[in-house]
Amino acid sequence: MNQANQKRFRKPPAKTEGRTVTASPVAPTAQPLAKIVEYTDQKAPKNAYPAQIISPLRSGPCCFTDMEEISKPQEEGRWVFQYRRCKKCGFAVRVILREIPDEALAAELRKTLATSFMRNVPA
């Protein structure tokens, strides 16, 4: 069977019903963020912030307009994040607001950019 037919006859991905998934960090190179969101369809959605948040596996159409902030912006590692949760279905997510800049890296980049377009770089 050639590749085109293999793609066409490939089995659809397995359903995730009954499976529990825990939120994962966004940056694999940085220190992982603490996990308090549990994604499952086996339990009812629950907001026990800051200890735990139980969320459905998938967001619903209501999540686009009905998300509320359930935490203030927090810093952990090199990230500033905030938890948001849908008022109707209970879907929760950690929203990364920004990365905290690495001052040493920024200084090195400034130094490199300062001399990048010079013909005779001073020693």
N, C-alpha and C. Protein backbone atom coordinates (compact mmCIF):
# COMPACT_ATOMS: atom_id res chain seq x y z
N MET A 1 0.85 -1.18 0.00
CA MET A 1 0.00 0.00 0.00
C MET A 1 0.90 1.24 0.00
N ASN A 2 0.66 2.19 -0.90
CA ASN A 2 1.49 3.38 -0.96
C ASN A 2 1.11 4.38 0.15
N GLN A 3 1.90 5.44 0.27
CA GLN A 3 1.70 6.40 1.36
C GLN A 3 0.36 7.11 1.28
N ALA A 4 -0.10 7.45 0.08
CA ALA A 4 -1.38 8.15 -0.05
C ALA A 4 -2.52 7.28 0.47
N ASN A 5 -2.49 5.99 0.14
CA ASN A 5 -3.53 5.09 0.63
C ASN A 5 -3.43 4.86 2.13
N GLN A 6 -2.21 4.82 2.65
CA GLN A 6 -2.04 4.65 4.09
C GLN A 6 -2.66 5.80 4.85
N LYS A 7 -2.48 7.02 4.35
CA LYS A 7 -3.06 8.18 5.01
C LYS A 7 -4.58 8.14 4.93
N ARG A 8 -5.11 7.71 3.78
CA ARG A 8 -6.54 7.68 3.59
C ARG A 8 -7.21 6.64 4.49
N PHE A 9 -6.56 5.49 4.68
CA PHE A 9 -7.17 4.41 5.45
C PHE A 9 -6.70 4.34 6.89
N ARG A 10 -5.99 5.37 7.32
CA ARG A 10 -5.50 5.41 8.70
C ARG A 10 -6.68 5.49 9.66
N LYS A 11 -6.56 4.79 10.79
CA LYS A 11 -7.63 4.82 11.78
C LYS A 11 -7.71 6.21 12.41
N PRO A 12 -8.92 6.68 12.72
CA PRO A 12 -9.05 7.98 13.39
C PRO A 12 -8.45 7.90 14.79
N PRO A 13 -8.03 9.02 15.35
CA PRO A 13 -7.48 9.00 16.70
C PRO A 13 -8.50 8.48 17.70
N ALA A 14 -7.99 7.80 18.72
CA ALA A 14 -8.87 7.22 19.74
C ALA A 14 -9.58 8.31 20.51
N LYS A 15 -10.78 8.05 20.93
CA LYS A 15 -11.55 8.99 21.76
C LYS A 15 -10.86 9.12 23.11
N THR A 16 -10.95 10.32 23.70
CA THR A 16 -10.30 10.56 24.98
C THR A 16 -11.26 10.47 26.15
N GLU A 17 -12.50 10.05 25.89
CA GLU A 17 -13.47 9.95 26.97
C GLU A 17 -12.98 8.94 28.00
N GLY A 18 -13.12 9.30 29.25
CA GLY A 18 -12.71 8.40 30.32
C GLY A 18 -11.24 8.52 30.67
N ARG A 19 -10.51 9.32 29.94
CA ARG A 19 -9.09 9.48 30.18
C ARG A 19 -8.85 10.76 30.97
N THR A 20 -7.90 10.74 31.86
CA THR A 20 -7.55 11.92 32.63
C THR A 20 -6.23 12.47 32.11
N VAL A 21 -6.20 13.76 31.83
CA VAL A 21 -5.01 14.41 31.31
C VAL A 21 -4.67 15.56 32.24
N THR A 22 -3.39 15.73 32.54
CA THR A 22 -2.95 16.82 33.40
C THR A 22 -2.24 17.85 32.54
N ALA A 23 -2.43 19.12 32.86
CA ALA A 23 -1.82 20.20 32.08
C ALA A 23 -0.31 20.07 32.08
N SER A 24 0.31 20.43 30.97
CA SER A 24 1.76 20.34 30.87
C SER A 24 2.34 21.73 30.69
N PRO A 25 3.62 21.91 31.02
CA PRO A 25 4.23 23.23 30.90
C PRO A 25 4.39 23.62 29.44
N VAL A 26 4.48 24.92 29.20
CA VAL A 26 4.60 25.43 27.84
C VAL A 26 6.03 25.34 27.36
N ALA A 27 6.99 25.68 28.20
CA ALA A 27 8.39 25.71 27.79
C ALA A 27 9.13 24.48 28.30
N PRO A 28 9.49 23.54 27.42
CA PRO A 28 10.17 22.34 27.88
C PRO A 28 11.58 22.61 28.38
N THR A 29 12.20 23.73 27.95
CA THR A 29 13.56 24.02 28.36
C THR A 29 13.60 24.67 29.74
N ALA A 30 12.54 25.32 30.13
CA ALA A 30 12.50 26.00 31.42
C ALA A 30 12.05 25.02 32.50
N GLN A 31 12.16 25.45 33.73
CA GLN A 31 11.69 24.64 34.84
C GLN A 31 10.18 24.50 34.73
N PRO A 32 9.63 23.28 34.87
CA PRO A 32 8.19 23.10 34.68
C PRO A 32 7.36 23.84 35.73
N LEU A 33 6.21 24.34 35.28
CA LEU A 33 5.29 25.03 36.17
C LEU A 33 4.48 24.00 36.96
N ALA A 34 4.03 24.39 38.13
CA ALA A 34 3.21 23.49 38.95
C ALA A 34 1.90 23.20 38.23
N LYS A 35 1.36 22.00 38.43
CA LYS A 35 0.15 21.58 37.73
C LYS A 35 -1.00 21.50 38.72
N ILE A 36 -2.02 22.33 38.53
CA ILE A 36 -3.19 22.24 39.40
C ILE A 36 -4.45 21.95 38.61
N VAL A 37 -4.37 22.02 37.26
CA VAL A 37 -5.55 21.76 36.44
C VAL A 37 -5.57 20.27 36.08
N GLU A 38 -6.67 19.62 36.37
CA GLU A 38 -6.86 18.22 36.00
C GLU A 38 -7.95 18.17 34.93
N TYR A 39 -7.61 17.65 33.75
CA TYR A 39 -8.56 17.55 32.64
C TYR A 39 -9.14 16.14 32.63
N THR A 40 -10.45 16.04 32.85
CA THR A 40 -11.11 14.74 32.85
C THR A 40 -12.60 14.90 32.56
N ASP A 41 -13.18 13.87 31.98
CA ASP A 41 -14.62 13.83 31.78
C ASP A 41 -15.28 12.94 32.82
N GLN A 42 -14.50 12.33 33.71
CA GLN A 42 -15.00 11.42 34.72
C GLN A 42 -15.54 12.15 35.95
N LYS A 43 -15.09 13.39 36.15
CA LYS A 43 -15.51 14.17 37.31
C LYS A 43 -16.21 15.44 36.84
N ALA A 44 -17.07 15.97 37.68
CA ALA A 44 -17.75 17.23 37.36
C ALA A 44 -16.75 18.38 37.45
N PRO A 45 -16.88 19.40 36.59
CA PRO A 45 -15.99 20.56 36.68
C PRO A 45 -16.08 21.21 38.06
N LYS A 46 -14.93 21.60 38.58
CA LYS A 46 -14.88 22.14 39.94
C LYS A 46 -13.76 23.18 40.02
N ASN A 47 -14.07 24.29 40.68
CA ASN A 47 -13.07 25.33 40.89
C ASN A 47 -12.71 25.36 42.36
N ALA A 48 -11.63 24.69 42.71
CA ALA A 48 -11.12 24.71 44.08
C ALA A 48 -9.78 25.45 44.08
N TYR A 49 -9.71 26.53 43.27
CA TYR A 49 -8.47 27.30 43.19
C TYR A 49 -8.13 27.86 44.55
N PRO A 50 -6.91 27.81 45.03
CA PRO A 50 -5.65 27.51 44.36
C PRO A 50 -5.20 26.06 44.51
N ALA A 51 -5.95 25.21 45.16
CA ALA A 51 -5.52 23.83 45.36
C ALA A 51 -5.65 23.00 44.08
N GLN A 52 -6.81 23.03 43.44
CA GLN A 52 -7.04 22.20 42.28
C GLN A 52 -8.19 22.76 41.45
N ILE A 53 -8.11 22.53 40.14
CA ILE A 53 -9.20 22.90 39.22
C ILE A 53 -9.48 21.66 38.39
N ILE A 54 -10.72 21.21 38.38
CA ILE A 54 -11.11 20.07 37.55
C ILE A 54 -11.84 20.64 36.34
N SER A 55 -11.37 20.25 35.16
CA SER A 55 -11.86 20.83 33.92
C SER A 55 -12.24 19.73 32.94
N PRO A 56 -13.24 19.97 32.07
CA PRO A 56 -13.51 19.02 31.00
C PRO A 56 -12.31 18.92 30.05
N LEU A 57 -12.23 17.84 29.29
CA LEU A 57 -11.11 17.64 28.37
C LEU A 57 -11.09 18.66 27.24
N ARG A 58 -12.26 19.05 26.77
CA ARG A 58 -12.33 19.95 25.61
C ARG A 58 -13.09 21.23 25.95
N SER A 59 -12.70 22.29 25.28
CA SER A 59 -13.44 23.54 25.43
C SER A 59 -14.72 23.46 24.61
N GLY A 60 -15.67 24.27 24.97
CA GLY A 60 -16.93 24.31 24.25
C GLY A 60 -17.07 25.61 23.49
N PRO A 61 -18.14 25.75 22.71
CA PRO A 61 -18.34 27.01 21.97
C PRO A 61 -18.56 28.20 22.90
N CYS A 62 -19.00 27.93 24.12
CA CYS A 62 -19.23 29.01 25.09
C CYS A 62 -17.93 29.61 25.62
N CYS A 63 -16.84 28.87 25.52
CA CYS A 63 -15.57 29.31 26.12
C CYS A 63 -14.99 30.56 25.48
N PHE A 64 -15.32 30.81 24.24
CA PHE A 64 -14.77 31.98 23.56
C PHE A 64 -15.23 33.28 24.21
N THR A 65 -16.47 33.32 24.69
CA THR A 65 -17.01 34.57 25.23
C THR A 65 -17.18 34.55 26.75
N ASP A 66 -17.19 33.39 27.37
CA ASP A 66 -17.53 33.31 28.80
C ASP A 66 -16.36 32.97 29.73
N MET A 67 -15.13 33.20 29.29
CA MET A 67 -13.98 32.91 30.15
C MET A 67 -13.84 34.02 31.20
N GLU A 68 -13.61 33.60 32.44
CA GLU A 68 -13.37 34.56 33.52
C GLU A 68 -12.00 34.29 34.13
N GLU A 69 -11.37 35.32 34.61
CA GLU A 69 -10.07 35.19 35.27
C GLU A 69 -10.32 34.70 36.69
N ILE A 70 -9.69 33.58 37.05
CA ILE A 70 -9.89 33.07 38.41
C ILE A 70 -8.66 33.26 39.28
N SER A 71 -7.61 33.84 38.69
CA SER A 71 -6.43 34.14 39.48
C SER A 71 -5.84 35.45 39.00
N LYS A 72 -5.02 36.03 39.83
CA LYS A 72 -4.28 37.22 39.42
C LYS A 72 -3.02 36.74 38.69
N PRO A 73 -2.41 37.59 37.88
CA PRO A 73 -1.16 37.17 37.22
C PRO A 73 -0.12 36.74 38.25
N GLN A 74 0.52 35.61 37.98
CA GLN A 74 1.51 35.03 38.88
C GLN A 74 2.81 34.79 38.13
N GLU A 75 3.92 34.87 38.84
CA GLU A 75 5.22 34.58 38.24
C GLU A 75 5.69 33.24 38.76
N GLU A 76 6.18 32.41 37.83
CA GLU A 76 6.79 31.15 38.21
C GLU A 76 7.85 30.82 37.17
N GLY A 77 9.06 30.60 37.63
CA GLY A 77 10.14 30.39 36.68
C GLY A 77 10.35 31.66 35.87
N ARG A 78 10.34 31.53 34.55
CA ARG A 78 10.52 32.69 33.67
C ARG A 78 9.20 33.11 33.04
N TRP A 79 8.06 32.71 33.62
CA TRP A 79 6.77 32.96 33.01
C TRP A 79 5.83 33.72 33.93
N VAL A 80 5.00 34.56 33.33
CA VAL A 80 3.89 35.20 34.04
C VAL A 80 2.63 34.58 33.44
N PHE A 81 1.80 34.00 34.29
CA PHE A 81 0.62 33.31 33.80
C PHE A 81 -0.59 33.61 34.67
N GLN A 82 -1.74 33.18 34.19
CA GLN A 82 -3.00 33.41 34.88
C GLN A 82 -3.95 32.26 34.53
N TYR A 83 -4.78 31.85 35.49
CA TYR A 83 -5.77 30.81 35.21
C TYR A 83 -7.08 31.47 34.79
N ARG A 84 -7.71 30.88 33.77
CA ARG A 84 -9.02 31.33 33.31
C ARG A 84 -9.93 30.12 33.20
N ARG A 85 -11.23 30.37 33.44
CA ARG A 85 -12.20 29.27 33.46
C ARG A 85 -13.50 29.75 32.83
N CYS A 86 -14.15 28.87 32.06
CA CYS A 86 -15.42 29.20 31.42
C CYS A 86 -16.53 29.18 32.47
N LYS A 87 -17.34 30.22 32.47
CA LYS A 87 -18.45 30.33 33.43
C LYS A 87 -19.52 29.27 33.19
N LYS A 88 -19.70 28.85 31.93
CA LYS A 88 -20.78 27.91 31.61
C LYS A 88 -20.37 26.44 31.75
N CYS A 89 -19.29 26.04 31.07
CA CYS A 89 -18.95 24.61 31.03
C CYS A 89 -17.85 24.21 32.00
N GLY A 90 -17.09 25.18 32.54
CA GLY A 90 -16.05 24.87 33.52
C GLY A 90 -14.69 24.57 32.94
N PHE A 91 -14.52 24.68 31.61
CA PHE A 91 -13.22 24.43 31.01
C PHE A 91 -12.21 25.46 31.53
N ALA A 92 -11.07 24.98 32.00
CA ALA A 92 -10.05 25.87 32.58
C ALA A 92 -8.74 25.74 31.81
N VAL A 93 -7.99 26.82 31.81
CA VAL A 93 -6.72 26.83 31.11
C VAL A 93 -5.77 27.82 31.79
N ARG A 94 -4.50 27.51 31.73
CA ARG A 94 -3.47 28.43 32.22
C ARG A 94 -3.01 29.25 31.02
N VAL A 95 -3.17 30.54 31.09
CA VAL A 95 -2.81 31.44 30.00
C VAL A 95 -1.45 32.05 30.31
N ILE A 96 -0.49 31.83 29.44
CA ILE A 96 0.83 32.43 29.60
C ILE A 96 0.72 33.86 29.08
N LEU A 97 0.93 34.82 29.97
CA LEU A 97 0.80 36.23 29.60
C LEU A 97 2.08 36.76 28.96
N ARG A 98 3.22 36.38 29.51
CA ARG A 98 4.50 36.82 28.93
C ARG A 98 5.64 36.05 29.57
N GLU A 99 6.78 36.14 28.93
CA GLU A 99 8.00 35.54 29.46
C GLU A 99 8.80 36.64 30.15
N ILE A 100 9.35 36.34 31.29
CA ILE A 100 10.21 37.28 32.00
C ILE A 100 11.57 37.27 31.31
N PRO A 101 12.05 38.42 30.85
CA PRO A 101 13.29 38.43 30.08
C PRO A 101 14.50 38.02 30.91
N ASP A 102 15.43 37.35 30.26
CA ASP A 102 16.69 36.96 30.86
C ASP A 102 17.65 38.13 30.66
N GLU A 103 18.00 38.82 31.74
CA GLU A 103 18.81 40.04 31.63
C GLU A 103 20.19 39.78 31.02
N ALA A 104 20.83 38.67 31.35
CA ALA A 104 22.14 38.37 30.79
C ALA A 104 22.05 38.16 29.28
N LEU A 105 21.04 37.44 28.85
CA LEU A 105 20.84 37.21 27.43
C LEU A 105 20.53 38.51 26.70
N ALA A 106 19.70 39.36 27.30
CA ALA A 106 19.35 40.65 26.70
C ALA A 106 20.59 41.54 26.57
N ALA A 107 21.45 41.55 27.58
CA ALA A 107 22.67 42.36 27.54
C ALA A 107 23.59 41.88 26.41
N GLU A 108 23.73 40.56 26.28
CA GLU A 108 24.56 39.99 25.22
C GLU A 108 24.00 40.34 23.84
N LEU A 109 22.69 40.27 23.70
CA LEU A 109 22.04 40.60 22.43
C LEU A 109 22.23 42.08 22.10
N ARG A 110 22.09 42.96 23.11
CA ARG A 110 22.31 44.40 22.87
C ARG A 110 23.73 44.66 22.38
N LYS A 111 24.70 43.97 22.99
CA LYS A 111 26.10 44.15 22.62
C LYS A 111 26.33 43.68 21.18
N THR A 112 25.75 42.55 20.82
CA THR A 112 25.90 42.02 19.47
C THR A 112 25.24 42.95 18.45
N LEU A 113 24.05 43.43 18.75
CA LEU A 113 23.34 44.31 17.82
C LEU A 113 24.03 45.67 17.68
N ALA A 114 24.68 46.12 18.73
CA ALA A 114 25.36 47.42 18.67
C ALA A 114 26.49 47.42 17.66
N THR A 115 27.11 46.28 17.43
CA THR A 115 28.25 46.21 16.51
C THR A 115 27.94 45.42 15.24
N SER A 116 26.71 45.00 15.05
CA SER A 116 26.36 44.14 13.91
C SER A 116 26.54 44.82 12.56
N PHE A 117 26.27 46.09 12.47
CA PHE A 117 26.27 46.75 11.17
C PHE A 117 27.46 47.72 11.02
N MET A 118 28.46 47.56 11.84
CA MET A 118 29.66 48.41 11.76
C MET A 118 30.68 47.73 10.84
N ARG A 119 31.38 48.55 10.06
CA ARG A 119 32.43 48.01 9.19
C ARG A 119 33.67 47.67 10.00
N ASN A 120 34.11 48.57 10.84
CA ASN A 120 35.29 48.37 11.66
C ASN A 120 34.85 48.28 13.12
N VAL A 121 34.72 47.05 13.61
CA VAL A 121 34.26 46.84 14.98
C VAL A 121 35.40 47.15 15.93
N PRO A 122 35.17 48.06 16.91
CA PRO A 122 36.24 48.37 17.86
C PRO A 122 36.55 47.15 18.73
N ALA A 123 37.80 47.02 19.07
CA ALA A 123 38.24 45.85 19.85
C ALA A 123 38.00 46.01 21.32
